[in-house]
Amino acid sequence: MAYDVLLTKDAERDLEEIYDYIAAQGDHATADSLLDRIENILDGLSDLPDQGSHPQELLELGIRDYRQILFDPFRLIYRVIDDRVIVYLIVDGRRDLQSLLARRLF
């Protein structure tokens, strides 16, 4: 069964900002490559939505509803609900994820 993979508005904005930042550095090839990589990850989630690990920051709070895919240095945070995969964040993993998760998920 293939799952529908949906990005929240925030996740779409994350993706645009990451792409724009890399492209603004004059590295359009890297920005395009990263976009292709993310699209492959999203396609993979359609087939295997439980492949990601649970974010440590949420496990420490006893929350196991969310998963993550790591692709250095980025993290994609998502949740599986019925036959849908909802992507909430696509962020640089070096950011303060604790406060970002609190703002976006709670």
Protein backbone atom coordinates (compact mmCIF):
# COMPACT_ATOMS: atom_id res chain seq x y z
CA MET A 1 0.00 0.00 0.00
CA ALA A 2 1.39 3.39 -0.97
CA TYR A 3 0.96 6.20 1.55
CA ASP A 4 0.19 9.77 0.55
CA VAL A 5 3.07 12.03 1.56
CA LEU A 6 2.03 15.58 2.42
CA LEU A 7 4.11 18.57 3.49
CA THR A 8 2.71 21.14 5.88
CA LYS A 9 3.02 24.78 4.85
CA ASP A 10 5.89 25.11 7.33
CA ALA A 11 7.74 22.16 5.77
CA GLU A 12 7.21 23.62 2.29
CA ARG A 13 8.65 26.91 3.54
CA ASP A 14 11.59 25.05 5.12
CA LEU A 15 12.34 23.41 1.80
CA GLU A 16 12.14 26.68 -0.11
CA GLU A 17 14.38 28.46 2.40
CA ILE A 18 17.02 25.71 2.32
CA TYR A 19 17.02 25.67 -1.48
CA ASP A 20 17.16 29.46 -1.73
CA TYR A 21 19.98 29.71 0.81
CA ILE A 22 22.16 27.18 -1.00
CA ALA A 23 21.36 28.65 -4.43
CA ALA A 24 22.16 32.17 -3.14
CA GLN A 25 25.65 30.95 -2.32
CA GLY A 26 26.02 30.43 -6.06
CA ASP A 27 25.75 26.67 -5.84
CA HIS A 28 22.65 25.84 -7.88
CA ALA A 29 23.90 22.33 -8.66
CA THR A 30 24.11 21.50 -4.93
CA ALA A 31 20.68 23.04 -4.30
CA ASP A 32 19.19 20.97 -7.14
CA SER A 33 20.93 17.84 -5.90
CA LEU A 34 19.59 18.37 -2.38
CA LEU A 35 16.09 18.87 -3.75
CA ASP A 36 16.40 15.60 -5.70
CA ARG A 37 17.62 13.84 -2.55
CA ILE A 38 14.65 15.11 -0.54
CA GLU A 39 12.24 14.05 -3.28
CA ASN A 40 13.76 10.54 -3.16
CA ILE A 41 13.31 10.46 0.61
CA LEU A 42 9.67 11.51 0.26
CA ASP A 43 9.11 8.82 -2.38
CA GLY A 44 10.65 6.27 -0.01
CA LEU A 45 8.30 7.33 2.77
CA SER A 46 5.37 6.57 0.50
CA ASP A 47 6.42 2.91 0.47
CA LEU A 48 8.08 2.54 3.89
CA PRO A 49 6.74 5.20 6.24
CA ASP A 50 8.05 3.57 9.42
CA GLN A 51 11.66 3.54 8.25
CA GLY A 52 12.69 6.61 10.23
CA SER A 53 13.87 6.70 13.81
CA HIS A 54 12.15 8.55 16.62
CA PRO A 55 13.67 11.99 17.38
CA GLN A 56 15.61 11.80 20.65
CA GLU A 57 14.26 15.20 21.73
CA LEU A 58 10.71 13.82 21.62
CA LEU A 59 11.55 10.43 23.11
CA GLU A 60 12.88 12.27 26.17
CA LEU A 61 9.36 13.70 26.55
CA GLY A 62 7.76 10.28 26.09
CA ILE A 63 6.46 11.15 22.61
CA ARG A 64 6.73 8.38 20.02
CA ASP A 65 4.28 9.69 17.43
CA TYR A 66 6.91 11.33 15.21
CA ARG A 67 9.77 9.94 13.17
CA GLN A 68 12.77 11.42 11.44
CA ILE A 69 14.95 10.80 8.45
CA LEU A 70 18.50 12.10 8.80
CA PHE A 71 20.43 13.27 5.75
CA ASP A 72 23.50 15.15 6.85
CA PRO A 73 23.17 17.84 8.07
CA PHE A 74 19.40 17.92 7.64
CA ARG A 75 16.50 16.26 9.43
CA LEU A 76 13.04 15.60 8.11
CA ILE A 77 10.43 15.18 10.88
CA TYR A 78 7.16 13.46 10.04
CA ARG A 79 4.21 11.56 11.43
CA VAL A 80 2.24 8.65 9.99
CA ILE A 81 -1.52 9.07 10.35
CA ASP A 82 -3.67 6.34 8.81
CA ASP A 83 -2.62 6.16 5.14
CA ARG A 84 -0.81 9.52 5.13
CA VAL A 85 2.69 10.66 5.96
CA ILE A 86 2.69 14.27 7.13
CA VAL A 87 6.03 16.09 6.99
CA TYR A 88 6.26 18.84 9.60
CA LEU A 89 9.89 19.99 9.41
CA ILE A 90 12.83 19.91 7.06
CA VAL A 91 15.62 21.58 8.98
CA ASP A 92 19.33 21.83 9.48
CA GLY A 93 20.04 19.36 12.28
CA ARG A 94 22.53 21.77 13.85
CA ARG A 95 19.70 24.12 14.86
CA ASP A 96 18.13 24.15 18.31
CA LEU A 97 15.60 21.49 17.48
CA GLN A 98 14.05 21.37 20.95
CA SER A 99 12.56 24.86 20.71
CA LEU A 100 11.70 24.46 17.02
CA LEU A 101 9.80 21.25 17.72
CA ALA A 102 7.96 22.91 20.59
CA ARG A 103 6.85 25.77 18.31
CA ARG A 104 5.86 23.59 15.37
CA LEU A 105 4.40 20.46 16.91
CA PHE A 106 2.78 21.55 20.17
